[in-house]
Amino acid sequence: MIVPYLPYFKLKEEPFNTTANPRFFFLSPIHSIALGKTEFTVDAKKGLTIVFGDTGTGKSTLARLLHQKFLDKTYISVLLTNPNYPTTNSLLRTIIQEFQLPKTSKAYKDNLDIFKNFLYTEAVEKKRNIVLIIDEAQTLRLPLLELLRQLINFETNDQKLLQLVLFPQEEFRNKLAHPMARNFRSRVSMASTLDKMGLHEITEMIDFRWRVASGNQSHPFTSDAIHSIYNHSEGIPREACTLADNSLLLAFMKKKLEIDKDIVEMVAKDRVDNIGSAKKPEPKAEHKGKPKAKANGKPANSEAKEVITHG
C-alpha cells in the first residue's frame, strides 16, 4: 500500500516510520557515545556492556546498527530480541540455535558444553570475535542473568570468549541491584544511557530523516512546528517521529504543503484525546482547609489520614 502523502510531498520513503531501520537512525551525540563505548568494549573483548534507555529512545535501532557493524567486521554476531524464556535451558538452546550450531541437547549441562566448545573453537583457535546482542533485556529474569554470567565467564588469560551487549529499559537497574544479580553486575565492563533529546537534536533528527526519505530535499516543518513536536514528545525520538508522521497526514488531508504549529497542535490534541498522555499525573495538592467536624467534634476521616501518614 502506498502511503498517501508520499507523492504529495515528493517523498521516496516514509521519513518518520518508527520501525528500527538503521538507515533512518539519527546518531545524536549521546547515541554516538553509546555506540563508541560499546564498539570499543566488543573490539577489545572485555565481555559485558549495557546500554540503558527508556521506551522510544532508540535502543532497538542502535542494537540493529551495532549488529550490522559487527557483521561487516566479519564478527560472528547474533541479535536476540525476545529473551523472556521460561528456563535457563530454553534460553541456552535458543542461543545455540541462533549461532547456527548443528545440534542441541535436552540436558542443560550438555548444552553448556556444546556452547563452550563452540566458543573455544571460534574465539581461540580461529580468533573470531563472538557477539551476542540482547534487546529488551529488562525482561530477563534473575536465573537467566546467572546463565549469561556463566557464558561470559568462559575466557582465556587475556580475553573473554563471548562479548555480550544488553539493551534494557531503565527498570533493569532495579534488577541489577538485587543481591542475586551481584555477581552479574560486577562483570559489567562498560555502560551507557540513552537520554532524551534536546530541541536542537530533535530539529536535526527531523531534517536528517527527511533528507534520507526525499533524496536530500528540505523538510516542510516550520521552526514553531518543530518546537511544538519537541514539547509534546518531551524529547523522546519515537514520539517525535509519530507526531511528525501524523502531521504529514493531516497536512495532506488539508491540502497544505507547509506544516505549521497549528497542525502539530491538532495532531497532539487528537493523540491525547484518543490514547491519553504519556506524562505522569501531577500529585494532588494537599487540602489545607479546615477538616469538617463530626458530631462528636473529631475531624472527619482522621483514621484514614493516620493510615496515609504512617503507611
C-alpha atoms as a PDB file:
ATOM      1  CA  MET A   1       0.000   0.000   0.000  1.00  0.00           C
ATOM      2  CA  ILE A   2       1.325   3.441  -0.955  1.00  0.00           C
ATOM      3  CA  VAL A   3       1.251   5.954   1.882  1.00  0.00           C
ATOM      4  CA  PRO A   4      -0.996   8.755   0.552  1.00  0.00           C
ATOM      5  CA  TYR A   5       1.232  11.687   1.479  1.00  0.00           C
ATOM      6  CA  LEU A   6       4.391  10.319  -0.200  1.00  0.00           C
ATOM      7  CA  PRO A   7       3.713  11.602  -3.741  1.00  0.00           C
ATOM      8  CA  TYR A   8       2.127  14.765  -2.334  1.00  0.00           C
ATOM      9  CA  PHE A   9       5.369  15.713  -0.554  1.00  0.00           C
ATOM     10  CA  LYS A  10       7.558  14.130  -3.267  1.00  0.00           C
ATOM     11  CA  LEU A  11       8.942  11.533  -0.892  1.00  0.00           C
ATOM     12  CA  LYS A  12      10.510   8.215  -1.852  1.00  0.00           C
ATOM     13  CA  GLU A  13      10.003   6.611   1.579  1.00  0.00           C
ATOM     14  CA  GLU A  14       8.273   7.319   4.870  1.00  0.00           C
ATOM     15  CA  PRO A  15      10.612   9.662   6.763  1.00  0.00           C
ATOM     16  CA  PHE A  16       9.172   9.054  10.224  1.00  0.00           C
ATOM     17  CA  ASN A  17       8.408   5.358  10.230  1.00  0.00           C
ATOM     18  CA  THR A  18       9.064   4.049  13.748  1.00  0.00           C
ATOM     19  CA  THR A  19      10.404   0.640  12.720  1.00  0.00           C
ATOM     20  CA  ALA A  20      14.025   0.028  13.751  1.00  0.00           C
ATOM     21  CA  ASN A  21      15.608   0.893  10.394  1.00  0.00           C
ATOM     22  CA  PRO A  22      19.317   1.803  10.813  1.00  0.00           C
ATOM     23  CA  ARG A  23      19.206   3.875   7.585  1.00  0.00           C
ATOM     24  CA  PHE A  24      16.936   6.406   9.289  1.00  0.00           C
ATOM     25  CA  PHE A  25      18.762   6.336  12.606  1.00  0.00           C
ATOM     26  CA  PHE A  26      19.878   9.819  13.627  1.00  0.00           C
ATOM     27  CA  LEU A  27      23.125   9.465  15.534  1.00  0.00           C
ATOM     28  CA  SER A  28      22.831  12.152  18.207  1.00  0.00           C
ATOM     29  CA  PRO A  29      25.869  12.910  20.419  1.00  0.00           C
ATOM     30  CA  ILE A  30      24.538  10.663  23.208  1.00  0.00           C
ATOM     31  CA  HIS A  31      23.904   7.831  20.741  1.00  0.00           C
ATOM     32  CA  SER A  32      27.384   8.316  19.270  1.00  0.00           C
ATOM     33  CA  ILE A  33      28.953   7.989  22.725  1.00  0.00           C
ATOM     34  CA  ALA A  34      26.979   4.810  23.482  1.00  0.00           C
ATOM     35  CA  LEU A  35      27.906   3.388  20.078  1.00  0.00           C
ATOM     36  CA  GLY A  36      31.601   4.181  20.538  1.00  0.00           C
ATOM     37  CA  LYS A  37      31.802   2.774  24.055  1.00  0.00           C
ATOM     38  CA  THR A  38      30.035  -0.432  23.049  1.00  0.00           C
ATOM     39  CA  GLU A  39      32.153  -0.944  19.944  1.00  0.00           C
ATOM     40  CA  PHE A  40      35.320  -0.460  21.984  1.00  0.00           C
ATOM     41  CA  THR A  41      34.218  -2.992  24.615  1.00  0.00           C
ATOM     42  CA  VAL A  42      33.398  -5.603  21.974  1.00  0.00           C
ATOM     43  CA  ASP A  43      36.512  -4.946  19.864  1.00  0.00           C
ATOM     44  CA  ALA A  44      38.714  -5.235  22.959  1.00  0.00           C
ATOM     45  CA  LYS A  45      36.893  -8.442  24.028  1.00  0.00           C
ATOM     46  CA  LYS A  46      36.117  -7.126  27.503  1.00  0.00           C
ATOM     47  CA  GLY A  47      32.905  -9.127  27.923  1.00  0.00           C
ATOM     48  CA  LEU A  48      29.775  -7.329  29.062  1.00  0.00           C
ATOM     49  CA  THR A  49      28.392  -3.898  28.164  1.00  0.00           C
ATOM     50  CA  ILE A  50      24.923  -2.447  28.819  1.00  0.00           C
ATOM     51  CA  VAL A  51      23.057   0.361  27.050  1.00  0.00           C
ATOM     52  CA  PHE A  52      20.102   1.632  29.104  1.00  0.00           C
ATOM     53  CA  GLY A  53      17.243   3.734  27.759  1.00  0.00           C
ATOM     54  CA  ASP A  54      13.568   4.497  28.219  1.00  0.00           C
ATOM     55  CA  THR A  55      10.969   3.376  25.688  1.00  0.00           C
ATOM     56  CA  GLY A  56      11.391   5.199  22.388  1.00  0.00           C
ATOM     57  CA  THR A  57      14.961   6.432  22.879  1.00  0.00           C
ATOM     58  CA  GLY A  58      16.424   4.321  20.075  1.00  0.00           C
ATOM     59  CA  LYS A  59      17.726   1.162  21.766  1.00  0.00           C
ATOM     60  CA  SER A  60      16.370  -1.309  19.217  1.00  0.00           C
ATOM     61  CA  THR A  61      17.676   0.657  16.236  1.00  0.00           C
ATOM     62  CA  LEU A  62      21.085   1.070  17.861  1.00  0.00           C
ATOM     63  CA  ALA A  63      21.138  -2.675  18.555  1.00  0.00           C
ATOM     64  CA  ARG A  64      20.476  -3.412  14.858  1.00  0.00           C
ATOM     65  CA  LEU A  65      23.080  -0.865  13.797  1.00  0.00           C
ATOM     66  CA  LEU A  66      25.707  -2.451  16.038  1.00  0.00           C
ATOM     67  CA  HIS A  67      24.759  -5.935  14.868  1.00  0.00           C
ATOM     68  CA  GLN A  68      25.324  -4.913  11.244  1.00  0.00           C
ATOM     69  CA  LYS A  69      28.599  -3.182  12.116  1.00  0.00           C
ATOM     70  CA  PHE A  70      29.884  -6.359  13.768  1.00  0.00           C
ATOM     71  CA  LEU A  71      28.834  -8.470  10.781  1.00  0.00           C
ATOM     72  CA  ASP A  72      30.662  -6.024   8.490  1.00  0.00           C
ATOM     73  CA  LYS A  73      33.776  -6.595  10.607  1.00  0.00           C
ATOM     74  CA  THR A  74      33.292 -10.347   9.995  1.00  0.00           C
ATOM     75  CA  TYR A  75      32.485 -10.951  13.651  1.00  0.00           C
ATOM     76  CA  ILE A  76      30.067 -13.766  14.469  1.00  0.00           C
ATOM     77  CA  SER A  77      27.136 -11.725  15.751  1.00  0.00           C
ATOM     78  CA  VAL A  78      23.640 -12.715  16.901  1.00  0.00           C
ATOM     79  CA  LEU A  79      20.812 -10.317  17.765  1.00  0.00           C
ATOM     80  CA  LEU A  80      18.237 -11.790  20.160  1.00  0.00           C
ATOM     81  CA  THR A  81      15.074  -9.714  20.523  1.00  0.00           C
ATOM     82  CA  ASN A  82      12.856 -11.774  22.824  1.00  0.00           C
ATOM     83  CA  PRO A  83      14.870 -13.061  25.797  1.00  0.00           C
ATOM     84  CA  ASN A  84      11.996 -13.752  28.198  1.00  0.00           C
ATOM     85  CA  TYR A  85      12.384 -17.537  28.254  1.00  0.00           C
ATOM     86  CA  PRO A  86      10.824 -19.736  30.969  1.00  0.00           C
ATOM     87  CA  THR A  87      14.002 -21.675  31.821  1.00  0.00           C
ATOM     88  CA  THR A  88      17.750 -21.242  31.551  1.00  0.00           C
ATOM     89  CA  ASN A  89      17.978 -24.294  29.294  1.00  0.00           C
ATOM     90  CA  SER A  90      15.387 -22.926  26.852  1.00  0.00           C
ATOM     91  CA  LEU A  91      17.351 -19.665  26.560  1.00  0.00           C
ATOM     92  CA  LEU A  92      20.624 -21.553  26.183  1.00  0.00           C
ATOM     93  CA  ARG A  93      19.177 -23.792  23.468  1.00  0.00           C
ATOM     94  CA  THR A  94      17.885 -20.717  21.625  1.00  0.00           C
ATOM     95  CA  ILE A  95      21.316 -19.069  21.798  1.00  0.00           C
ATOM     96  CA  ILE A  96      22.926 -22.222  20.404  1.00  0.00           C
ATOM     97  CA  GLN A  97      20.378 -22.350  17.579  1.00  0.00           C
ATOM     98  CA  GLU A  98      20.803 -18.642  16.765  1.00  0.00           C
ATOM     99  CA  PHE A  99      24.543 -19.193  16.389  1.00  0.00           C
ATOM    100  CA  GLN A 100      23.568 -21.953  13.920  1.00  0.00           C
ATOM    101  CA  LEU A 101      25.249 -24.817  15.740  1.00  0.00           C
ATOM    102  CA  PRO A 102      24.185 -28.212  14.351  1.00  0.00           C
ATOM    103  CA  LYS A 103      22.620 -29.652  17.493  1.00  0.00           C
ATOM    104  CA  THR A 104      21.317 -29.012  20.981  1.00  0.00           C
ATOM    105  CA  SER A 105      20.612 -31.347  23.872  1.00  0.00           C
ATOM    106  CA  LYS A 106      17.769 -31.804  26.325  1.00  0.00           C
ATOM    107  CA  ALA A 107      20.285 -31.622  29.179  1.00  0.00           C
ATOM    108  CA  TYR A 108      21.423 -28.190  30.380  1.00  0.00           C
ATOM    109  CA  LYS A 109      24.972 -29.366  31.166  1.00  0.00           C
ATOM    110  CA  ASP A 110      25.368 -30.823  27.677  1.00  0.00           C
ATOM    111  CA  ASN A 111      24.197 -27.568  26.094  1.00  0.00           C
ATOM    112  CA  LEU A 112      26.653 -25.614  28.205  1.00  0.00           C
ATOM    113  CA  ASP A 113      29.464 -27.871  26.947  1.00  0.00           C
ATOM    114  CA  ILE A 114      28.279 -27.516  23.337  1.00  0.00           C
ATOM    115  CA  PHE A 115      28.392 -23.734  23.539  1.00  0.00           C
ATOM    116  CA  LYS A 116      31.680 -23.696  25.431  1.00  0.00           C
ATOM    117  CA  ASN A 117      33.319 -25.851  22.753  1.00  0.00           C
ATOM    118  CA  PHE A 118      31.942 -23.534  20.065  1.00  0.00           C
ATOM    119  CA  LEU A 119      33.434 -20.503  21.816  1.00  0.00           C
ATOM    120  CA  TYR A 120      36.865 -22.109  22.180  1.00  0.00           C
ATOM    121  CA  THR A 121      36.896 -23.266  18.568  1.00  0.00           C
ATOM    122  CA  GLU A 122      35.837 -19.921  17.081  1.00  0.00           C
ATOM    123  CA  ALA A 123      37.306 -17.405  19.543  1.00  0.00           C
ATOM    124  CA  VAL A 124      40.570 -19.137  20.493  1.00  0.00           C
ATOM    125  CA  GLU A 125      41.510 -21.405  17.603  1.00  0.00           C
ATOM    126  CA  LYS A 126      40.076 -19.287  14.779  1.00  0.00           C
ATOM    127  CA  LYS A 127      40.492 -15.954  16.642  1.00  0.00           C
ATOM    128  CA  ARG A 128      36.970 -14.792  15.767  1.00  0.00           C
ATOM    129  CA  ASN A 129      35.042 -12.258  17.809  1.00  0.00           C
ATOM    130  CA  ILE A 130      31.744 -13.768  19.041  1.00  0.00           C
ATOM    131  CA  VAL A 131      28.996 -11.275  19.921  1.00  0.00           C
ATOM    132  CA  LEU A 132      25.573 -11.814  21.486  1.00  0.00           C
ATOM    133  CA  ILE A 133      23.295  -8.730  21.470  1.00  0.00           C
ATOM    134  CA  ILE A 134      20.085  -8.918  23.520  1.00  0.00           C
ATOM    135  CA  ASP A 135      17.347  -6.315  23.026  1.00  0.00           C
ATOM    136  CA  GLU A 136      14.517  -5.854  25.560  1.00  0.00           C
ATOM    137  CA  ALA A 137      16.930  -7.195  28.171  1.00  0.00           C
ATOM    138  CA  GLN A 138      14.775  -5.868  31.037  1.00  0.00           C
ATOM    139  CA  THR A 139      12.623  -8.989  30.550  1.00  0.00           C
ATOM    140  CA  LEU A 140      15.494 -11.283  31.569  1.00  0.00           C
ATOM    141  CA  ARG A 141      14.707 -12.949  34.879  1.00  0.00           C
ATOM    142  CA  LEU A 142      17.389 -13.442  37.536  1.00  0.00           C
ATOM    143  CA  PRO A 143      18.081 -17.143  36.703  1.00  0.00           C
ATOM    144  CA  LEU A 144      18.665 -16.141  33.076  1.00  0.00           C
ATOM    145  CA  LEU A 145      21.162 -13.493  34.176  1.00  0.00           C
ATOM    146  CA  GLU A 146      23.026 -16.225  36.023  1.00  0.00           C
ATOM    147  CA  LEU A 147      23.204 -18.232  32.788  1.00  0.00           C
ATOM    148  CA  LEU A 148      24.614 -15.211  30.942  1.00  0.00           C
ATOM    149  CA  ARG A 149      27.152 -14.747  33.731  1.00  0.00           C
ATOM    150  CA  GLN A 150      28.296 -18.332  33.186  1.00  0.00           C
ATOM    151  CA  LEU A 151      28.645 -17.738  29.446  1.00  0.00           C
ATOM    152  CA  ILE A 152      30.787 -14.612  29.802  1.00  0.00           C
ATOM    153  CA  ASN A 153      32.915 -16.438  32.356  1.00  0.00           C
ATOM    154  CA  PHE A 154      34.400 -18.525  29.549  1.00  0.00           C
ATOM    155  CA  GLU A 155      37.750 -16.822  28.976  1.00  0.00           C
ATOM    156  CA  THR A 156      41.459 -17.147  28.402  1.00  0.00           C
ATOM    157  CA  ASN A 157      44.148 -15.301  30.349  1.00  0.00           C
ATOM    158  CA  ASP A 158      43.671 -12.160  28.271  1.00  0.00           C
ATOM    159  CA  GLN A 159      40.168 -12.118  26.758  1.00  0.00           C
ATOM    160  CA  LYS A 160      36.509 -13.014  27.172  1.00  0.00           C
ATOM    161  CA  LEU A 161      35.347 -15.561  24.619  1.00  0.00           C
ATOM    162  CA  LEU A 162      31.808 -14.161  24.360  1.00  0.00           C
ATOM    163  CA  GLN A 163      31.016 -10.459  24.026  1.00  0.00           C
ATOM    164  CA  LEU A 164      27.597  -9.708  25.490  1.00  0.00           C
ATOM    165  CA  VAL A 165      25.698  -6.465  24.785  1.00  0.00           C
ATOM    166  CA  LEU A 166      22.406  -5.817  26.606  1.00  0.00           C
ATOM    167  CA  PHE A 167      19.812  -3.186  25.665  1.00  0.00           C
ATOM    168  CA  PRO A 168      17.367  -2.881  28.591  1.00  0.00           C
ATOM    169  CA  GLN A 169      14.853  -0.282  29.715  1.00  0.00           C
ATOM    170  CA  GLU A 170      15.546   1.706  32.866  1.00  0.00           C
ATOM    171  CA  GLU A 171      13.819  -0.754  35.232  1.00  0.00           C
ATOM    172  CA  PHE A 172      16.665  -3.196  34.601  1.00  0.00           C
ATOM    173  CA  ARG A 173      18.725  -1.130  37.065  1.00  0.00           C
ATOM    174  CA  ASN A 174      16.470  -2.407  39.858  1.00  0.00           C
ATOM    175  CA  LYS A 175      17.110  -5.975  38.744  1.00  0.00           C
ATOM    176  CA  LEU A 176      20.864  -5.375  38.792  1.00  0.00           C
ATOM    177  CA  ALA A 177      20.553  -4.086  42.360  1.00  0.00           C
ATOM    178  CA  HIS A 178      19.097  -7.405  43.526  1.00  0.00           C
ATOM    179  CA  PRO A 179      21.505  -9.426  45.719  1.00  0.00           C
ATOM    180  CA  MET A 180      21.160 -12.424  43.361  1.00  0.00           C
ATOM    181  CA  ALA A 181      22.478 -10.269  40.492  1.00  0.00           C
ATOM    182  CA  ARG A 182      25.591  -9.056  42.331  1.00  0.00           C
ATOM    183  CA  ASN A 183      27.972 -11.411  40.522  1.00  0.00           C
ATOM    184  CA  PHE A 184      26.492 -10.493  37.154  1.00  0.00           C
ATOM    185  CA  ARG A 185      26.635  -6.754  37.898  1.00  0.00           C
ATOM    186  CA  SER A 186      30.305  -6.986  38.854  1.00  0.00           C
ATOM    187  CA  ARG A 187      31.121  -8.193  35.343  1.00  0.00           C
ATOM    188  CA  VAL A 188      29.779  -5.087  33.575  1.00  0.00           C
ATOM    189  CA  SER A 189      32.770  -3.647  31.755  1.00  0.00           C
ATOM    190  CA  MET A 190      31.035  -0.588  30.268  1.00  0.00           C
ATOM    191  CA  ALA A 191      27.597   1.022  30.499  1.00  0.00           C
ATOM    192  CA  SER A 192      25.789   3.854  28.705  1.00  0.00           C
ATOM    193  CA  THR A 193      22.403   5.569  28.913  1.00  0.00           C
ATOM    194  CA  LEU A 194      20.360   6.915  26.002  1.00  0.00           C
ATOM    195  CA  ASP A 195      18.844  10.128  27.348  1.00  0.00           C
ATOM    196  CA  LYS A 196      16.038  12.143  25.794  1.00  0.00           C
ATOM    197  CA  MET A 197      16.939  14.571  23.010  1.00  0.00           C
ATOM    198  CA  GLY A 198      17.023  18.344  23.269  1.00  0.00           C
ATOM    199  CA  LEU A 199      15.284  20.734  20.880  1.00  0.00           C
ATOM    200  CA  HIS A 200      18.399  21.081  18.710  1.00  0.00           C
ATOM    201  CA  GLU A 201      18.711  17.304  18.355  1.00  0.00           C
ATOM    202  CA  ILE A 202      15.013  16.839  17.528  1.00  0.00           C
ATOM    203  CA  THR A 203      15.389  19.544  14.855  1.00  0.00           C
ATOM    204  CA  GLU A 204      18.428  17.795  13.381  1.00  0.00           C
ATOM    205  CA  MET A 205      16.699  14.394  13.507  1.00  0.00           C
ATOM    206  CA  ILE A 206      13.685  15.672  11.538  1.00  0.00           C
ATOM    207  CA  ASP A 207      15.964  17.228   8.932  1.00  0.00           C
ATOM    208  CA  PHE A 208      18.136  14.107   8.689  1.00  0.00           C
ATOM    209  CA  ARG A 209      15.239  11.696   8.267  1.00  0.00           C
ATOM    210  CA  TRP A 210      13.506  13.912   5.723  1.00  0.00           C
ATOM    211  CA  ARG A 211      16.662  14.158   3.607  1.00  0.00           C
ATOM    212  CA  VAL A 212      17.074  10.366   3.640  1.00  0.00           C
ATOM    213  CA  ALA A 213      13.459   9.864   2.553  1.00  0.00           C
ATOM    214  CA  SER A 214      13.302  12.672  -0.022  1.00  0.00           C
ATOM    215  CA  GLY A 215      16.682  12.490  -1.722  1.00  0.00           C
ATOM    216  CA  ASN A 216      18.219  15.416   0.187  1.00  0.00           C
ATOM    217  CA  GLN A 217      15.299  17.870  -0.064  1.00  0.00           C
ATOM    218  CA  SER A 218      14.346  20.409   2.630  1.00  0.00           C
ATOM    219  CA  HIS A 219      11.550  19.482   5.032  1.00  0.00           C
ATOM    220  CA  PRO A 220       8.232  21.423   5.253  1.00  0.00           C
ATOM    221  CA  PHE A 221       8.131  21.875   9.068  1.00  0.00           C
ATOM    222  CA  THR A 222       8.273  25.429  10.420  1.00  0.00           C
ATOM    223  CA  SER A 223      10.509  26.122  13.413  1.00  0.00           C
ATOM    224  CA  ASP A 224       7.419  26.643  15.607  1.00  0.00           C
ATOM    225  CA  ALA A 225       6.058  23.272  14.455  1.00  0.00           C
ATOM    226  CA  ILE A 226       9.299  21.540  15.413  1.00  0.00           C
ATOM    227  CA  HIS A 227       9.277  23.302  18.768  1.00  0.00           C
ATOM    228  CA  SER A 228       5.743  22.003  19.307  1.00  0.00           C
ATOM    229  CA  ILE A 229       6.821  18.475  18.349  1.00  0.00           C
ATOM    230  CA  TYR A 230       9.660  18.710  20.845  1.00  0.00           C
ATOM    231  CA  ASN A 231       7.384  19.944  23.646  1.00  0.00           C
ATOM    232  CA  HIS A 232       4.737  17.273  23.136  1.00  0.00           C
ATOM    233  CA  SER A 233       7.246  14.440  22.642  1.00  0.00           C
ATOM    234  CA  GLU A 234       9.315  15.567  25.650  1.00  0.00           C
ATOM    235  CA  GLY A 235      12.432  14.763  23.630  1.00  0.00           C
ATOM    236  CA  ILE A 236      11.599  11.089  23.046  1.00  0.00           C
ATOM    237  CA  PRO A 237      12.629  10.306  19.430  1.00  0.00           C
ATOM    238  CA  ARG A 238       9.905   7.739  18.722  1.00  0.00           C
ATOM    239  CA  GLU A 239       7.132  10.018  19.962  1.00  0.00           C
ATOM    240  CA  ALA A 240       8.562  12.922  17.955  1.00  0.00           C
ATOM    241  CA  CYS A 241       8.535  10.756  14.816  1.00  0.00           C
ATOM    242  CA  THR A 242       4.935   9.695  15.448  1.00  0.00           C
ATOM    243  CA  LEU A 243       3.817  13.327  15.816  1.00  0.00           C
ATOM    244  CA  ALA A 244       5.716  14.316  12.665  1.00  0.00           C
ATOM    245  CA  ASP A 245       4.205  11.426  10.703  1.00  0.00           C
ATOM    246  CA  ASN A 246       0.664  12.226  11.828  1.00  0.00           C
ATOM    247  CA  SER A 247       1.259  15.892  10.990  1.00  0.00           C
ATOM    248  CA  LEU A 248       2.228  14.956   7.435  1.00  0.00           C
ATOM    249  CA  LEU A 249      -1.020  13.040   7.013  1.00  0.00           C
ATOM    250  CA  LEU A 250      -3.116  15.891   8.402  1.00  0.00           C
ATOM    251  CA  ALA A 251      -1.354  18.432   6.171  1.00  0.00           C
ATOM    252  CA  PHE A 252      -2.050  16.183   3.173  1.00  0.00           C
ATOM    253  CA  MET A 253      -5.731  15.952   4.117  1.00  0.00           C
ATOM    254  CA  LYS A 254      -5.914  19.741   4.482  1.00  0.00           C
ATOM    255  CA  LYS A 255      -4.046  20.255   1.196  1.00  0.00           C
ATOM    256  CA  LYS A 256      -1.203  22.137   2.864  1.00  0.00           C
ATOM    257  CA  LEU A 257       2.443  21.918   1.812  1.00  0.00           C
ATOM    258  CA  GLU A 258       3.764  23.644   4.930  1.00  0.00           C
ATOM    259  CA  ILE A 259       3.418  22.082   8.359  1.00  0.00           C
ATOM    260  CA  ASP A 260       2.953  24.776  10.968  1.00  0.00           C
ATOM    261  CA  LYS A 261       2.410  24.759  14.720  1.00  0.00           C
ATOM    262  CA  ASP A 262      -1.400  24.623  14.388  1.00  0.00           C
ATOM    263  CA  ILE A 263      -1.217  21.289  12.547  1.00  0.00           C
ATOM    264  CA  VAL A 264       1.113  19.773  15.154  1.00  0.00           C
ATOM    265  CA  GLU A 265      -1.106  21.048  17.984  1.00  0.00           C
ATOM    266  CA  MET A 266      -4.190  19.475  16.388  1.00  0.00           C
ATOM    267  CA  VAL A 267      -2.342  16.173  15.978  1.00  0.00           C
ATOM    268  CA  ALA A 268      -1.052  16.258  19.556  1.00  0.00           C
ATOM    269  CA  LYS A 269      -4.525  17.029  20.949  1.00  0.00           C
ATOM    270  CA  ASP A 270      -6.094  14.262  18.877  1.00  0.00           C
ATOM    271  CA  ARG A 271      -3.456  11.840  20.159  1.00  0.00           C
ATOM    272  CA  VAL A 272      -4.089  12.731  23.800  1.00  0.00           C
ATOM    273  CA  ASP A 273      -7.865  12.614  23.324  1.00  0.00           C
ATOM    274  CA  ASN A 274      -7.677   9.103  21.894  1.00  0.00           C
ATOM    275  CA  ILE A 275      -4.897   7.347  23.797  1.00  0.00           C
ATOM    276  CA  GLY A 276      -4.170   9.667  26.711  1.00  0.00           C
ATOM    277  CA  SER A 277      -0.957  11.354  27.743  1.00  0.00           C
ATOM    278  CA  ALA A 278       2.372   9.677  28.454  1.00  0.00           C
ATOM    279  CA  LYS A 279       3.100  12.269  31.129  1.00  0.00           C
ATOM    280  CA  LYS A 280       2.969  11.136  34.735  1.00  0.00           C
ATOM    281  CA  PRO A 281      -0.050  12.578  36.575  1.00  0.00           C
ATOM    282  CA  GLU A 282       0.703  15.552  38.802  1.00  0.00           C
ATOM    283  CA  PRO A 283       0.419  14.800  42.525  1.00  0.00           C
ATOM    284  CA  LYS A 284      -2.785  16.178  44.002  1.00  0.00           C
ATOM    285  CA  ALA A 285      -2.353  19.330  46.064  1.00  0.00           C
ATOM    286  CA  GLU A 286      -2.748  18.810  49.792  1.00  0.00           C
ATOM    287  CA  HIS A 287      -6.029  20.190  51.148  1.00  0.00           C
ATOM    288  CA  LYS A 288      -5.162  22.974  53.572  1.00  0.00           C
ATOM    289  CA  GLY A 289      -8.636  23.950  54.642  1.00  0.00           C
ATOM    290  CA  LYS A 290     -10.175  23.059  57.993  1.00  0.00           C
ATOM    291  CA  PRO A 291     -11.385  19.456  58.199  1.00  0.00           C
ATOM    292  CA  LYS A 292     -15.099  19.005  58.566  1.00  0.00           C
ATOM    293  CA  ALA A 293     -16.069  18.032  62.093  1.00  0.00           C
ATOM    294  CA  LYS A 294     -18.129  15.016  63.041  1.00  0.00           C
ATOM    295  CA  ALA A 295     -20.943  15.208  65.536  1.00  0.00           C
ATOM    296  CA  ASN A 296     -18.528  14.243  68.313  1.00  0.00           C
ATOM    297  CA  GLY A 297     -16.165  17.091  67.393  1.00  0.00           C
ATOM    298  CA  LYS A 298     -13.444  14.906  65.840  1.00  0.00           C
ATOM    299  CA  PRO A 299     -12.190  15.703  62.326  1.00  0.00           C
ATOM    300  CA  ALA A 300     -13.726  13.618  59.577  1.00  0.00           C
ATOM    301  CA  ASN A 301     -11.510  10.890  58.064  1.00  0.00           C
ATOM    302  CA  SER A 302      -8.941  11.208  60.879  1.00  0.00           C
ATOM    303  CA  GLU A 303      -8.407   7.447  60.875  1.00  0.00           C
ATOM    304  CA  ALA A 304      -7.730   7.422  57.129  1.00  0.00           C
ATOM    305  CA  LYS A 305      -5.285  10.311  57.456  1.00  0.00           C
ATOM    306  CA  GLU A 306      -3.455   8.437  60.183  1.00  0.00           C
ATOM    307  CA  VAL A 307      -3.040   5.407  57.901  1.00  0.00           C
ATOM    308  CA  ILE A 308      -1.841   7.522  54.963  1.00  0.00           C
ATOM    309  CA  THR A 309       0.626   9.399  57.130  1.00  0.00           C
ATOM    310  CA  HIS A 310       2.200   6.335  58.670  1.00  0.00           C
ATOM    311  CA  GLY A 311       1.723   3.777  55.862  1.00  0.00           C
END
